[in-house]
C-alpha atoms as a PDB file:
ATOM      1  CA  MET A   1     -11.245  32.828   5.818  1.00  0.00           C
ATOM      2  CA  ASP A   2     -13.787  33.885   3.187  1.00  0.00           C
ATOM      3  CA  ASN A   3     -16.904  35.936   3.959  1.00  0.00           C
ATOM      4  CA  GLU A   4     -19.277  32.942   4.075  1.00  0.00           C
ATOM      5  CA  ALA A   5     -16.991  30.963   6.378  1.00  0.00           C
ATOM      6  CA  ASN A   6     -16.560  34.029   8.579  1.00  0.00           C
ATOM      7  CA  MET A   7     -20.354  34.379   8.928  1.00  0.00           C
ATOM      8  CA  SER A   8     -20.653  30.702   9.894  1.00  0.00           C
ATOM      9  CA  PHE A   9     -17.826  31.091  12.376  1.00  0.00           C
ATOM     10  CA  GLU A  10     -19.543  34.117  13.931  1.00  0.00           C
ATOM     11  CA  LYS A  11     -22.747  32.070  14.290  1.00  0.00           C
ATOM     12  CA  TYR A  12     -20.798  29.254  15.974  1.00  0.00           C
ATOM     13  CA  LYS A  13     -18.978  31.716  18.208  1.00  0.00           C
ATOM     14  CA  LYS A  14     -22.273  33.281  19.313  1.00  0.00           C
ATOM     15  CA  LEU A  15     -23.797  29.873  20.087  1.00  0.00           C
ATOM     16  CA  ILE A  16     -20.729  28.752  22.067  1.00  0.00           C
ATOM     17  CA  ASN A  17     -20.612  32.003  24.046  1.00  0.00           C
ATOM     18  CA  GLU A  18     -24.328  31.773  24.866  1.00  0.00           C
ATOM     19  CA  ALA A  19     -23.893  28.166  25.980  1.00  0.00           C
ATOM     20  CA  PHE A  20     -20.934  29.168  28.137  1.00  0.00           C
ATOM     21  CA  GLU A  21     -23.103  31.732  29.917  1.00  0.00           C
ATOM     22  CA  GLN A  22     -25.611  28.955  30.656  1.00  0.00           C
ATOM     23  CA  ARG A  23     -23.018  26.273  31.394  1.00  0.00           C
ATOM     24  CA  ASP A  24     -24.551  25.448  34.776  1.00  0.00           C
ATOM     25  CA  GLN A  25     -27.675  24.273  32.933  1.00  0.00           C
ATOM     26  CA  ILE A  26     -25.820  22.075  30.426  1.00  0.00           C
ATOM     27  CA  SER A  27     -25.049  18.412  31.052  1.00  0.00           C
ATOM     28  CA  PRO A  28     -24.393  15.315  28.928  1.00  0.00           C
ATOM     29  CA  ARG A  29     -28.154  14.796  28.991  1.00  0.00           C
ATOM     30  CA  THR A  30     -28.923  18.240  27.578  1.00  0.00           C
ATOM     31  CA  ASP A  31     -30.997  17.801  24.441  1.00  0.00           C
ATOM     32  CA  ASP A  32     -29.514  20.493  22.195  1.00  0.00           C
ATOM     33  CA  ASP A  33     -28.501  18.907  18.910  1.00  0.00           C
ATOM     34  CA  GLU A  34     -27.353  22.205  17.389  1.00  0.00           C
ATOM     35  CA  LEU A  35     -24.970  22.899  20.276  1.00  0.00           C
ATOM     36  CA  ARG A  36     -23.667  19.327  20.198  1.00  0.00           C
ATOM     37  CA  GLU A  37     -22.994  19.531  16.433  1.00  0.00           C
ATOM     38  CA  VAL A  38     -21.256  22.895  16.704  1.00  0.00           C
ATOM     39  CA  VAL A  39     -19.021  21.704  19.550  1.00  0.00           C
ATOM     40  CA  ARG A  40     -18.067  18.585  17.571  1.00  0.00           C
ATOM     41  CA  TYR A  41     -17.383  20.680  14.466  1.00  0.00           C
ATOM     42  CA  ILE A  42     -15.186  23.139  16.382  1.00  0.00           C
ATOM     43  CA  ILE A  43     -13.229  20.320  18.049  1.00  0.00           C
ATOM     44  CA  ASP A  44     -12.703  18.636  14.657  1.00  0.00           C
ATOM     45  CA  GLU A  45     -11.469  21.920  13.153  1.00  0.00           C
ATOM     46  CA  ILE A  46      -9.032  22.397  16.050  1.00  0.00           C
ATOM     47  CA  ASP A  47      -7.809  18.797  15.700  1.00  0.00           C
ATOM     48  CA  ARG A  48      -7.191  19.313  11.966  1.00  0.00           C
ATOM     49  CA  GLY A  49      -5.336  22.561  12.624  1.00  0.00           C
ATOM     50  CA  GLU A  50      -7.913  24.691  10.813  1.00  0.00           C
ATOM     51  CA  LEU A  51      -8.738  26.675  13.976  1.00  0.00           C
ATOM     52  CA  ARG A  52      -6.620  27.770  16.891  1.00  0.00           C
ATOM     53  CA  VAL A  53      -7.580  28.615  20.419  1.00  0.00           C
ATOM     54  CA  ALA A  54      -5.923  31.913  21.215  1.00  0.00           C
ATOM     55  CA  GLU A  55      -6.741  35.375  22.416  1.00  0.00           C
ATOM     56  CA  LYS A  56      -4.915  38.600  21.639  1.00  0.00           C
ATOM     57  CA  VAL A  57      -3.231  40.069  24.691  1.00  0.00           C
END
């Protein structure tokens, strides 16, 4: 992952983590286009095999 992609990923990661902390306030009716776009992007990247969901143990 190059430096620019890594910076974008860090931005996405921060947004997802912040949303997770506020998950009780988020619903399908939540009007947050940026969050919606990032979630779709991340899911697409996982589906294409570009990202993995894993955590070091």
